[in-house]
Amino acid sequence: MNEEEKLQFFKYLENYLRKRDITSTLKLLSLTMSSFGAGFDEKCYNYNSSSKLYERDIKEVPKPIDYKIKKLYLNKPVNKVFIVCCDLDMEISLKLFSQDKPSKTKYGFGKT
């Protein structure tokens, strides 16, 4: 993967995590993408459901998320396909419960 392609990934991290800019983030994603998150309901197999997950994430945590890349593996097995594995240290403050209602997001790992 060349430097320009790496810069695209860094641009994604900046738009998504630091700027929390949904419009700029979604412009960087493929219409044929799939994605997953840490929550039980965060499995997306197309752009539409993935974009809704991104929107929800930014709505729930609108403040910038600071991060530090610990390890980065970028692979381009075929033209226009990127596989990115990235270990990040992230600093984030979550308010999971408000006074009137709990968060609807479930977090967990392992079998469901």
PDB file of N, CA and C in Angstrom:
ATOM      1  N   MET A   1       0.858  -1.175   0.000  1.00  0.00           N
ATOM      2  CA  MET A   1       0.000   0.000   0.000  1.00  0.00           C
ATOM      3  C   MET A   1       0.902   1.235   0.000  1.00  0.00           C
ATOM      4  N   ASN A   2       0.582   2.178  -0.847  1.00  0.00           N
ATOM      5  CA  ASN A   2       1.433   3.350  -0.961  1.00  0.00           C
ATOM      6  C   ASN A   2       1.036   4.425   0.061  1.00  0.00           C
ATOM      7  N   GLU A   3       1.815   5.481   0.114  1.00  0.00           N
ATOM      8  CA  GLU A   3       1.600   6.550   1.109  1.00  0.00           C
ATOM      9  C   GLU A   3       0.266   7.261   0.914  1.00  0.00           C
ATOM     10  N   GLU A   4      -0.144   7.452  -0.320  1.00  0.00           N
ATOM     11  CA  GLU A   4      -1.428   8.119  -0.582  1.00  0.00           C
ATOM     12  C   GLU A   4      -2.593   7.297  -0.022  1.00  0.00           C
ATOM     13  N   GLU A   5      -2.497   5.985  -0.166  1.00  0.00           N
ATOM     14  CA  GLU A   5      -3.546   5.113   0.358  1.00  0.00           C
ATOM     15  C   GLU A   5      -3.548   5.116   1.889  1.00  0.00           C
ATOM     16  N   LYS A   6      -2.377   5.160   2.492  1.00  0.00           N
ATOM     17  CA  LYS A   6      -2.295   5.278   3.953  1.00  0.00           C
ATOM     18  C   LYS A   6      -2.919   6.584   4.418  1.00  0.00           C
ATOM     19  N   LEU A   7      -2.663   7.645   3.686  1.00  0.00           N
ATOM     20  CA  LEU A   7      -3.226   8.944   4.051  1.00  0.00           C
ATOM     21  C   LEU A   7      -4.749   8.917   4.019  1.00  0.00           C
ATOM     22  N   GLN A   8      -5.337   8.136   3.117  1.00  0.00           N
ATOM     23  CA  GLN A   8      -6.796   8.002   3.077  1.00  0.00           C
ATOM     24  C   GLN A   8      -7.318   7.396   4.380  1.00  0.00           C
ATOM     25  N   PHE A   9      -6.616   6.399   4.890  1.00  0.00           N
ATOM     26  CA  PHE A   9      -7.027   5.790   6.153  1.00  0.00           C
ATOM     27  C   PHE A   9      -6.895   6.779   7.304  1.00  0.00           C
ATOM     28  N   PHE A  10      -5.798   7.515   7.325  1.00  0.00           N
ATOM     29  CA  PHE A  10      -5.610   8.527   8.376  1.00  0.00           C
ATOM     30  C   PHE A  10      -6.689   9.612   8.283  1.00  0.00           C
ATOM     31  N   LYS A  11      -7.071   9.956   7.064  1.00  0.00           N
ATOM     32  CA  LYS A  11      -8.145  10.935   6.861  1.00  0.00           C
ATOM     33  C   LYS A  11      -9.458  10.393   7.436  1.00  0.00           C
ATOM     34  N   TYR A  12      -9.708   9.111   7.226  1.00  0.00           N
ATOM     35  CA  TYR A  12     -10.892   8.466   7.793  1.00  0.00           C
ATOM     36  C   TYR A  12     -10.878   8.576   9.325  1.00  0.00           C
ATOM     37  N   LEU A  13      -9.750   8.247   9.946  1.00  0.00           N
ATOM     38  CA  LEU A  13      -9.658   8.328  11.410  1.00  0.00           C
ATOM     39  C   LEU A  13      -9.903   9.746  11.908  1.00  0.00           C
ATOM     40  N   GLU A  14      -9.339  10.718  11.225  1.00  0.00           N
ATOM     41  CA  GLU A  14      -9.523  12.115  11.632  1.00  0.00           C
ATOM     42  C   GLU A  14     -10.981  12.544  11.513  1.00  0.00           C
ATOM     43  N   ASN A  15     -11.603  12.230  10.380  1.00  0.00           N
ATOM     44  CA  ASN A  15     -13.002  12.622  10.177  1.00  0.00           C
ATOM     45  C   ASN A  15     -13.941  11.895  11.133  1.00  0.00           C
ATOM     46  N   TYR A  16     -13.718  10.615  11.320  1.00  0.00           N
ATOM     47  CA  TYR A  16     -14.621   9.815  12.142  1.00  0.00           C
ATOM     48  C   TYR A  16     -14.382  10.010  13.645  1.00  0.00           C
ATOM     49  N   LEU A  17     -13.146   9.905  14.074  1.00  0.00           N
ATOM     50  CA  LEU A  17     -12.878   9.954  15.511  1.00  0.00           C
ATOM     51  C   LEU A  17     -12.656  11.362  16.053  1.00  0.00           C
ATOM     52  N   ARG A  18     -11.777  12.113  15.440  1.00  0.00           N
ATOM     53  CA  ARG A  18     -11.454  13.440  16.006  1.00  0.00           C
ATOM     54  C   ARG A  18     -12.494  14.498  15.656  1.00  0.00           C
ATOM     55  N   LYS A  19     -12.883  14.559  14.394  1.00  0.00           N
ATOM     56  CA  LYS A  19     -13.846  15.591  13.974  1.00  0.00           C
ATOM     57  C   LYS A  19     -15.291  15.173  14.230  1.00  0.00           C
ATOM     58  N   ARG A  20     -15.561  13.861  14.255  1.00  0.00           N
ATOM     59  CA  ARG A  20     -16.919  13.328  14.420  1.00  0.00           C
ATOM     60  C   ARG A  20     -17.839  13.897  13.338  1.00  0.00           C
ATOM     61  N   ASP A  21     -17.327  13.933  12.117  1.00  0.00           N
ATOM     62  CA  ASP A  21     -18.006  14.513  10.966  1.00  0.00           C
ATOM     63  C   ASP A  21     -18.615  13.387  10.130  1.00  0.00           C
ATOM     64  N   ILE A  22     -19.918  13.187  10.278  1.00  0.00           N
ATOM     65  CA  ILE A  22     -20.579  12.073   9.609  1.00  0.00           C
ATOM     66  C   ILE A  22     -20.534  12.198   8.084  1.00  0.00           C
ATOM     67  N   THR A  23     -20.735  13.387   7.565  1.00  0.00           N
ATOM     68  CA  THR A  23     -20.755  13.584   6.110  1.00  0.00           C
ATOM     69  C   THR A  23     -19.402  13.247   5.492  1.00  0.00           C
ATOM     70  N   SER A  24     -18.334  13.784   6.061  1.00  0.00           N
ATOM     71  CA  SER A  24     -16.988  13.523   5.533  1.00  0.00           C
ATOM     72  C   SER A  24     -16.593  12.063   5.704  1.00  0.00           C
ATOM     73  N   THR A  25     -17.000  11.466   6.811  1.00  0.00           N
ATOM     74  CA  THR A  25     -16.685  10.050   7.047  1.00  0.00           C
ATOM     75  C   THR A  25     -17.364   9.171   6.013  1.00  0.00           C
ATOM     76  N   LEU A  26     -18.664   9.373   5.804  1.00  0.00           N
ATOM     77  CA  LEU A  26     -19.404   8.518   4.871  1.00  0.00           C
ATOM     78  C   LEU A  26     -18.913   8.661   3.438  1.00  0.00           C
ATOM     79  N   LYS A  27     -18.404   9.828   3.071  1.00  0.00           N
ATOM     80  CA  LYS A  27     -17.871  10.022   1.719  1.00  0.00           C
ATOM     81  C   LYS A  27     -16.649   9.147   1.453  1.00  0.00           C
ATOM     82  N   LEU A  28     -15.971   8.729   2.509  1.00  0.00           N
ATOM     83  CA  LEU A  28     -14.765   7.914   2.361  1.00  0.00           C
ATOM     84  C   LEU A  28     -15.055   6.416   2.283  1.00  0.00           C
ATOM     85  N   LEU A  29     -16.297   6.028   2.535  1.00  0.00           N
ATOM     86  CA  LEU A  29     -16.637   4.610   2.601  1.00  0.00           C
ATOM     87  C   LEU A  29     -17.189   4.092   1.279  1.00  0.00           C
ATOM     88  N   SER A  30     -16.970   2.821   1.042  1.00  0.00           N
ATOM     89  CA  SER A  30     -17.439   2.172  -0.168  1.00  0.00           C
ATOM     90  C   SER A  30     -18.925   1.840  -0.055  1.00  0.00           C
ATOM     91  N   LEU A  31     -19.626   1.909  -1.154  1.00  0.00           N
ATOM     92  CA  LEU A  31     -21.040   1.535  -1.179  1.00  0.00           C
ATOM     93  C   LEU A  31     -21.233   0.026  -1.016  1.00  0.00           C
ATOM     94  N   THR A  32     -20.162  -0.743  -1.140  1.00  0.00           N
ATOM     95  CA  THR A  32     -20.243  -2.198  -0.980  1.00  0.00           C
ATOM     96  C   THR A  32     -19.639  -2.673   0.338  1.00  0.00           C
ATOM     97  N   MET A  33     -19.529  -1.769   1.305  1.00  0.00           N
ATOM     98  CA  MET A  33     -18.865  -2.097   2.567  1.00  0.00           C
ATOM     99  C   MET A  33     -19.748  -2.915   3.499  1.00  0.00           C
ATOM    100  N   SER A  34     -19.095  -3.532   4.468  1.00  0.00           N
ATOM    101  CA  SER A  34     -19.762  -4.112   5.626  1.00  0.00           C
ATOM    102  C   SER A  34     -18.937  -3.683   6.837  1.00  0.00           C
ATOM    103  N   SER A  35     -19.553  -3.743   8.022  1.00  0.00           N
ATOM    104  CA  SER A  35     -18.830  -3.283   9.207  1.00  0.00           C
ATOM    105  C   SER A  35     -19.380  -3.956  10.445  1.00  0.00           C
ATOM    106  N   PHE A  36     -18.633  -3.850  11.534  1.00  0.00           N
ATOM    107  CA  PHE A  36     -19.104  -4.346  12.814  1.00  0.00           C
ATOM    108  C   PHE A  36     -18.519  -3.494  13.921  1.00  0.00           C
ATOM    109  N   GLY A  37     -19.194  -3.514  15.060  1.00  0.00           N
ATOM    110  CA  GLY A  37     -18.741  -2.759  16.220  1.00  0.00           C
ATOM    111  C   GLY A  37     -18.684  -3.668  17.433  1.00  0.00           C
ATOM    112  N   ALA A  38     -18.582  -3.065  18.611  1.00  0.00           N
ATOM    113  CA  ALA A  38     -18.457  -3.833  19.853  1.00  0.00           C
ATOM    114  C   ALA A  38     -19.799  -4.267  20.421  1.00  0.00           C
ATOM    115  N   GLY A  39     -20.877  -3.641  20.024  1.00  0.00           N
ATOM    116  CA  GLY A  39     -22.196  -3.970  20.565  1.00  0.00           C
ATOM    117  C   GLY A  39     -22.822  -5.166  19.865  1.00  0.00           C
ATOM    118  N   PHE A  40     -23.739  -5.832  20.567  1.00  0.00           N
ATOM    119  CA  PHE A  40     -24.405  -7.009  20.007  1.00  0.00           C
ATOM    120  C   PHE A  40     -25.181  -6.680  18.737  1.00  0.00           C
ATOM    121  N   ASP A  41     -25.695  -5.469  18.633  1.00  0.00           N
ATOM    122  CA  ASP A  41     -26.504  -5.077  17.475  1.00  0.00           C
ATOM    123  C   ASP A  41     -25.697  -4.336  16.414  1.00  0.00           C
ATOM    124  N   GLU A  42     -24.383  -4.389  16.493  1.00  0.00           N
ATOM    125  CA  GLU A  42     -23.531  -3.615  15.586  1.00  0.00           C
ATOM    126  C   GLU A  42     -22.894  -4.493  14.517  1.00  0.00           C
ATOM    127  N   LYS A  43     -23.740  -5.226  13.790  1.00  0.00           N
ATOM    128  CA  LYS A  43     -23.303  -6.039  12.654  1.00  0.00           C
ATOM    129  C   LYS A  43     -24.004  -5.498  11.420  1.00  0.00           C
ATOM    130  N   CYS A  44     -23.244  -5.035  10.460  1.00  0.00           N
ATOM    131  CA  CYS A  44     -23.819  -4.415   9.265  1.00  0.00           C
ATOM    132  C   CYS A  44     -23.223  -5.062   8.029  1.00  0.00           C
ATOM    133  N   TYR A  45     -24.096  -5.424   7.103  1.00  0.00           N
ATOM    134  CA  TYR A  45     -23.655  -6.148   5.915  1.00  0.00           C
ATOM    135  C   TYR A  45     -23.825  -5.358   4.625  1.00  0.00           C
ATOM    136  N   ASN A  46     -24.162  -4.066   4.758  1.00  0.00           N
ATOM    137  CA  ASN A  46     -24.262  -3.220   3.575  1.00  0.00           C
ATOM    138  C   ASN A  46     -24.045  -1.758   3.982  1.00  0.00           C
ATOM    139  N   TYR A  47     -23.910  -0.896   2.990  1.00  0.00           N
ATOM    140  CA  TYR A  47     -23.623   0.518   3.250  1.00  0.00           C
ATOM    141  C   TYR A  47     -24.743   1.182   4.045  1.00  0.00           C
ATOM    142  N   ASN A  48     -25.986   0.890   3.712  1.00  0.00           N
ATOM    143  CA  ASN A  48     -27.109   1.544   4.368  1.00  0.00           C
ATOM    144  C   ASN A  48     -27.113   1.282   5.875  1.00  0.00           C
ATOM    145  N   SER A  49     -27.005   0.020   6.263  1.00  0.00           N
ATOM    146  CA  SER A  49     -27.003  -0.275   7.699  1.00  0.00           C
ATOM    147  C   SER A  49     -25.717   0.222   8.363  1.00  0.00           C
ATOM    148  N   SER A  50     -24.599   0.175   7.652  1.00  0.00           N
ATOM    149  CA  SER A  50     -23.344   0.690   8.201  1.00  0.00           C
ATOM    150  C   SER A  50     -23.419   2.192   8.435  1.00  0.00           C
ATOM    151  N   SER A  51     -23.978   2.926   7.484  1.00  0.00           N
ATOM    152  CA  SER A  51     -24.067   4.381   7.639  1.00  0.00           C
ATOM    153  C   SER A  51     -24.969   4.747   8.824  1.00  0.00           C
ATOM    154  N   LYS A  52     -26.025   3.974   9.041  1.00  0.00           N
ATOM    155  CA  LYS A  52     -26.896   4.219  10.205  1.00  0.00           C
ATOM    156  C   LYS A  52     -26.146   3.965  11.513  1.00  0.00           C
ATOM    157  N   LEU A  53     -25.294   2.950  11.514  1.00  0.00           N
ATOM    158  CA  LEU A  53     -24.485   2.669  12.705  1.00  0.00           C
ATOM    159  C   LEU A  53     -23.505   3.814  12.973  1.00  0.00           C
ATOM    160  N   TYR A  54     -22.857   4.318  11.928  1.00  0.00           N
ATOM    161  CA  TYR A  54     -21.952   5.469  12.080  1.00  0.00           C
ATOM    162  C   TYR A  54     -22.722   6.679  12.617  1.00  0.00           C
ATOM    163  N   GLU A  55     -23.889   6.942  12.057  1.00  0.00           N
ATOM    164  CA  GLU A  55     -24.700   8.080  12.503  1.00  0.00           C
ATOM    165  C   GLU A  55     -25.081   7.940  13.976  1.00  0.00           C
ATOM    166  N   ARG A  56     -25.498   6.754  14.369  1.00  0.00           N
ATOM    167  CA  ARG A  56     -25.865   6.522  15.770  1.00  0.00           C
ATOM    168  C   ARG A  56     -24.669   6.712  16.686  1.00  0.00           C
ATOM    169  N   ASP A  57     -23.524   6.191  16.271  1.00  0.00           N
ATOM    170  CA  ASP A  57     -22.314   6.301  17.079  1.00  0.00           C
ATOM    171  C   ASP A  57     -21.952   7.765  17.325  1.00  0.00           C
ATOM    172  N   ILE A  58     -21.969   8.560  16.278  1.00  0.00           N
ATOM    173  CA  ILE A  58     -21.601   9.971  16.408  1.00  0.00           C
ATOM    174  C   ILE A  58     -22.652  10.733  17.211  1.00  0.00           C
ATOM    175  N   LYS A  59     -23.913  10.363  17.052  1.00  0.00           N
ATOM    176  CA  LYS A  59     -24.971  11.001  17.837  1.00  0.00           C
ATOM    177  C   LYS A  59     -24.805  10.686  19.331  1.00  0.00           C
ATOM    178  N   GLU A  60     -24.489   9.425  19.648  1.00  0.00           N
ATOM    179  CA  GLU A  60     -24.340   9.015  21.041  1.00  0.00           C
ATOM    180  C   GLU A  60     -23.069   9.557  21.681  1.00  0.00           C
ATOM    181  N   VAL A  61     -22.012   9.698  20.889  1.00  0.00           N
ATOM    182  CA  VAL A  61     -20.730  10.212  21.394  1.00  0.00           C
ATOM    183  C   VAL A  61     -20.265  11.308  20.439  1.00  0.00           C
ATOM    184  N   PRO A  62     -20.813  12.519  20.576  1.00  0.00           N
ATOM    185  CA  PRO A  62     -20.499  13.583  19.616  1.00  0.00           C
ATOM    186  C   PRO A  62     -19.143  14.265  19.830  1.00  0.00           C
ATOM    187  N   LYS A  63     -18.568  14.123  21.003  1.00  0.00           N
ATOM    188  CA  LYS A  63     -17.299  14.803  21.281  1.00  0.00           C
ATOM    189  C   LYS A  63     -16.143  14.084  20.600  1.00  0.00           C
ATOM    190  N   PRO A  64     -15.091  14.824  20.254  1.00  0.00           N
ATOM    191  CA  PRO A  64     -13.921  14.207  19.614  1.00  0.00           C
ATOM    192  C   PRO A  64     -13.338  13.076  20.457  1.00  0.00           C
ATOM    193  N   ILE A  65     -12.856  12.066  19.783  1.00  0.00           N
ATOM    194  CA  ILE A  65     -12.206  10.927  20.426  1.00  0.00           C
ATOM    195  C   ILE A  65     -10.729  10.983  20.072  1.00  0.00           C
ATOM    196  N   ASP A  66      -9.913  11.132  21.100  1.00  0.00           N
ATOM    197  CA  ASP A  66      -8.472  11.161  20.877  1.00  0.00           C
ATOM    198  C   ASP A  66      -7.966   9.724  20.737  1.00  0.00           C
ATOM    199  N   TYR A  67      -7.008   9.522  19.879  1.00  0.00           N
ATOM    200  CA  TYR A  67      -6.493   8.177  19.648  1.00  0.00           C
ATOM    201  C   TYR A  67      -5.000   8.218  19.354  1.00  0.00           C
ATOM    202  N   LYS A  68      -4.364   7.070  19.564  1.00  0.00           N
ATOM    203  CA  LYS A  68      -2.965   6.896  19.217  1.00  0.00           C
ATOM    204  C   LYS A  68      -2.851   5.534  18.538  1.00  0.00           C
ATOM    205  N   ILE A  69      -2.283   5.509  17.343  1.00  0.00           N
ATOM    206  CA  ILE A  69      -2.105   4.256  16.615  1.00  0.00           C
ATOM    207  C   ILE A  69      -0.929   3.496  17.217  1.00  0.00           C
ATOM    208  N   LYS A  70      -1.204   2.283  17.673  1.00  0.00           N
ATOM    209  CA  LYS A  70      -0.155   1.443  18.247  1.00  0.00           C
ATOM    210  C   LYS A  70       0.442   0.517  17.195  1.00  0.00           C
ATOM    211  N   LYS A  71      -0.426  -0.049  16.366  1.00  0.00           N
ATOM    212  CA  LYS A  71       0.025  -0.977  15.333  1.00  0.00           C
ATOM    213  C   LYS A  71      -0.908  -0.828  14.147  1.00  0.00           C
ATOM    214  N   LEU A  72      -0.324  -0.828  12.967  1.00  0.00           N
ATOM    215  CA  LEU A  72      -1.129  -0.635  11.760  1.00  0.00           C
ATOM    216  C   LEU A  72      -0.699  -1.643  10.702  1.00  0.00           C
ATOM    217  N   TYR A  73      -1.672  -2.369  10.176  1.00  0.00           N
ATOM    218  CA  TYR A  73      -1.433  -3.310   9.097  1.00  0.00           C
ATOM    219  C   TYR A  73      -2.401  -2.968   7.977  1.00  0.00           C
ATOM    220  N   LEU A  74      -1.870  -2.604   6.833  1.00  0.00           N
ATOM    221  CA  LEU A  74      -2.684  -2.261   5.668  1.00  0.00           C
ATOM    222  C   LEU A  74      -2.333  -3.219   4.539  1.00  0.00           C
ATOM    223  N   ASN A  75      -3.349  -3.788   3.933  1.00  0.00           N
ATOM    224  CA  ASN A  75      -3.134  -4.719   2.841  1.00  0.00           C
ATOM    225  C   ASN A  75      -4.091  -4.373   1.702  1.00  0.00           C
ATOM    226  N   LYS A  76      -3.593  -4.493   0.495  1.00  0.00           N
ATOM    227  CA  LYS A  76      -4.414  -4.238  -0.690  1.00  0.00           C
ATOM    228  C   LYS A  76      -4.331  -5.488  -1.574  1.00  0.00           C
ATOM    229  N   PRO A  77      -5.194  -6.480  -1.298  1.00  0.00           N
ATOM    230  CA  PRO A  77      -5.096  -7.733  -2.056  1.00  0.00           C
ATOM    231  C   PRO A  77      -5.462  -7.594  -3.525  1.00  0.00           C
ATOM    232  N   VAL A  78      -6.401  -6.710  -3.845  1.00  0.00           N
ATOM    233  CA  VAL A  78      -6.774  -6.425  -5.229  1.00  0.00           C
ATOM    234  C   VAL A  78      -7.074  -4.934  -5.344  1.00  0.00           C
ATOM    235  N   ASN A  79      -7.132  -4.432  -6.549  1.00  0.00           N
ATOM    236  CA  ASN A  79      -7.377  -3.021  -6.784  1.00  0.00           C
ATOM    237  C   ASN A  79      -8.669  -2.563  -6.098  1.00  0.00           C
ATOM    238  N   LYS A  80      -8.591  -1.452  -5.402  1.00  0.00           N
ATOM    239  CA  LYS A  80      -9.724  -0.808  -4.721  1.00  0.00           C
ATOM    240  C   LYS A  80     -10.290  -1.598  -3.544  1.00  0.00           C
ATOM    241  N   VAL A  81      -9.563  -2.596  -3.060  1.00  0.00           N
ATOM    242  CA  VAL A  81      -9.972  -3.332  -1.861  1.00  0.00           C
ATOM    243  C   VAL A  81      -8.864  -3.174  -0.827  1.00  0.00           C
ATOM    244  N   PHE A  82      -9.232  -2.692   0.356  1.00  0.00           N
ATOM    245  CA  PHE A  82      -8.266  -2.482   1.424  1.00  0.00           C
ATOM    246  C   PHE A  82      -8.672  -3.282   2.647  1.00  0.00           C
ATOM    247  N   ILE A  83      -7.716  -3.918   3.259  1.00  0.00           N
ATOM    248  CA  ILE A  83      -7.924  -4.573   4.544  1.00  0.00           C
ATOM    249  C   ILE A  83      -7.061  -3.815   5.540  1.00  0.00           C
ATOM    250  N   VAL A  84      -7.712  -3.297   6.568  1.00  0.00           N
ATOM    251  CA  VAL A  84      -7.004  -2.498   7.556  1.00  0.00           C
ATOM    252  C   VAL A  84      -7.189  -3.144   8.924  1.00  0.00           C
ATOM    253  N   CYS A  85      -6.091  -3.448   9.582  1.00  0.00           N
ATOM    254  CA  CYS A  85      -6.107  -3.902  10.974  1.00  0.00           C
ATOM    255  C   CYS A  85      -5.324  -2.858  11.756  1.00  0.00           C
ATOM    256  N   CYS A  86      -5.959  -2.295  12.749  1.00  0.00           N
ATOM    257  CA  CYS A  86      -5.350  -1.189  13.453  1.00  0.00           C
ATOM    258  C   CYS A  86      -5.600  -1.320  14.952  1.00  0.00           C
ATOM    259  N   ASP A  87      -4.533  -1.359  15.737  1.00  0.00           N
ATOM    260  CA  ASP A  87      -4.646  -1.309  17.193  1.00  0.00           C
ATOM    261  C   ASP A  87      -4.555   0.149  17.604  1.00  0.00           C
ATOM    262  N   LEU A  88      -5.593   0.608  18.297  1.00  0.00           N
ATOM    263  CA  LEU A  88      -5.640   2.008  18.737  1.00  0.00           C
ATOM    264  C   LEU A  88      -5.756   2.083  20.249  1.00  0.00           C
ATOM    265  N   ASP A  89      -5.074   3.052  20.834  1.00  0.00           N
ATOM    266  CA  ASP A  89      -5.386   3.484  22.188  1.00  0.00           C
ATOM    267  C   ASP A  89      -6.330   4.652  22.015  1.00  0.00           C
ATOM    268  N   MET A  90      -7.491   4.580  22.674  1.00  0.00           N
ATOM    269  CA  MET A  90      -8.484   5.644  22.551  1.00  0.00           C
ATOM    270  C   MET A  90      -8.844   6.154  23.935  1.00  0.00           C
ATOM    271  N   GLU A  91      -9.031   7.448  24.004  1.00  0.00           N
ATOM    272  CA  GLU A  91      -9.483   8.043  25.253  1.00  0.00           C
ATOM    273  C   GLU A  91     -10.873   8.602  25.019  1.00  0.00           C
ATOM    274  N   ILE A  92     -11.838   8.048  25.763  1.00  0.00           N
ATOM    275  CA  ILE A  92     -13.224   8.419  25.551  1.00  0.00           C
ATOM    276  C   ILE A  92     -13.950   8.401  26.893  1.00  0.00           C
ATOM    277  N   SER A  93     -14.857   9.321  27.031  1.00  0.00           N
ATOM    278  CA  SER A  93     -15.685   9.377  28.229  1.00  0.00           C
ATOM    279  C   SER A  93     -17.118   9.086  27.809  1.00  0.00           C
ATOM    280  N   LEU A  94     -17.704   8.039  28.390  1.00  0.00           N
ATOM    281  CA  LEU A  94     -19.064   7.647  28.044  1.00  0.00           C
ATOM    282  C   LEU A  94     -20.010   7.911  29.198  1.00  0.00           C
ATOM    283  N   LYS A  95     -21.161   8.419  28.881  1.00  0.00           N
ATOM    284  CA  LYS A  95     -22.237   8.544  29.852  1.00  0.00           C
ATOM    285  C   LYS A  95     -23.271   7.516  29.423  1.00  0.00           C
ATOM    286  N   LEU A  96     -23.236   6.345  30.061  1.00  0.00           N
ATOM    287  CA  LEU A  96     -24.108   5.254  29.639  1.00  0.00           C
ATOM    288  C   LEU A  96     -25.532   5.399  30.153  1.00  0.00           C
ATOM    289  N   PHE A  97     -25.717   6.128  31.227  1.00  0.00           N
ATOM    290  CA  PHE A  97     -27.053   6.288  31.783  1.00  0.00           C
ATOM    291  C   PHE A  97     -27.333   7.748  32.072  1.00  0.00           C
ATOM    292  N   SER A  98     -28.489   8.201  31.647  1.00  0.00           N
ATOM    293  CA  SER A  98     -28.934   9.534  32.004  1.00  0.00           C
ATOM    294  C   SER A  98     -29.880   9.391  33.190  1.00  0.00           C
ATOM    295  N   GLN A  99     -30.329  10.485  33.749  1.00  0.00           N
ATOM    296  CA  GLN A  99     -31.221  10.418  34.894  1.00  0.00           C
ATOM    297  C   GLN A  99     -32.580   9.863  34.507  1.00  0.00           C
ATOM    298  N   ASP A 100     -33.017  10.093  33.270  1.00  0.00           N
ATOM    299  CA  ASP A 100     -34.355   9.648  32.917  1.00  0.00           C
ATOM    300  C   ASP A 100     -34.429   8.307  32.191  1.00  0.00           C
ATOM    301  N   LYS A 101     -33.366   7.887  31.484  1.00  0.00           N
ATOM    302  CA  LYS A 101     -33.440   6.582  30.821  1.00  0.00           C
ATOM    303  C   LYS A 101     -32.047   6.023  30.545  1.00  0.00           C
ATOM    304  N   PRO A 102     -31.916   4.696  30.576  1.00  0.00           N
ATOM    305  CA  PRO A 102     -30.611   4.084  30.294  1.00  0.00           C
ATOM    306  C   PRO A 102     -30.311   4.059  28.801  1.00  0.00           C
ATOM    307  N   SER A 103     -29.036   3.895  28.474  1.00  0.00           N
ATOM    308  CA  SER A 103     -28.617   3.767  27.080  1.00  0.00           C
ATOM    309  C   SER A 103     -29.204   2.496  26.486  1.00  0.00           C
ATOM    310  N   LYS A 104     -29.564   2.533  25.205  1.00  0.00           N
ATOM    311  CA  LYS A 104     -30.112   1.368  24.524  1.00  0.00           C
ATOM    312  C   LYS A 104     -29.011   0.521  23.878  1.00  0.00           C
ATOM    313  N   THR A 105     -27.772   0.997  23.906  1.00  0.00           N
ATOM    314  CA  THR A 105     -26.677   0.272  23.302  1.00  0.00           C
ATOM    315  C   THR A 105     -26.175  -0.802  24.245  1.00  0.00           C
ATOM    316  N   LYS A 106     -26.034  -2.034  23.725  1.00  0.00           N
ATOM    317  CA  LYS A 106     -25.526  -3.144  24.533  1.00  0.00           C
ATOM    318  C   LYS A 106     -24.090  -3.391  24.131  1.00  0.00           C
ATOM    319  N   TYR A 107     -23.230  -3.605  25.110  1.00  0.00           N
ATOM    320  CA  TYR A 107     -21.836  -3.869  24.836  1.00  0.00           C
ATOM    321  C   TYR A 107     -21.491  -5.254  25.391  1.00  0.00           C
ATOM    322  N   GLY A 108     -20.674  -5.967  24.688  1.00  0.00           N
ATOM    323  CA  GLY A 108     -20.255  -7.268  25.184  1.00  0.00           C
ATOM    324  C   GLY A 108     -19.421  -7.987  24.146  1.00  0.00           C
ATOM    325  N   PHE A 109     -18.801  -9.050  24.572  1.00  0.00           N
ATOM    326  CA  PHE A 109     -17.938  -9.817  23.698  1.00  0.00           C
ATOM    327  C   PHE A 109     -18.278 -11.288  23.861  1.00  0.00           C
ATOM    328  N   GLY A 110     -17.945 -12.085  22.879  1.00  0.00           N
ATOM    329  CA  GLY A 110     -18.180 -13.512  22.949  1.00  0.00           C
ATOM    330  C   GLY A 110     -19.494 -13.907  22.332  1.00  0.00           C
ATOM    331  N   LYS A 111     -19.943 -15.111  22.632  1.00  0.00           N
ATOM    332  CA  LYS A 111     -21.178 -15.621  22.050  1.00  0.00           C
ATOM    333  C   LYS A 111     -22.385 -14.897  22.607  1.00  0.00           C
ATOM    334  N   THR A 112     -23.401 -14.729  21.748  1.00  0.00           N
ATOM    335  CA  THR A 112     -24.636 -14.086  22.189  1.00  0.00           C
ATOM    336  C   THR A 112     -25.766 -15.076  22.171  1.00  0.00           C
TER     337      THR A 112
END
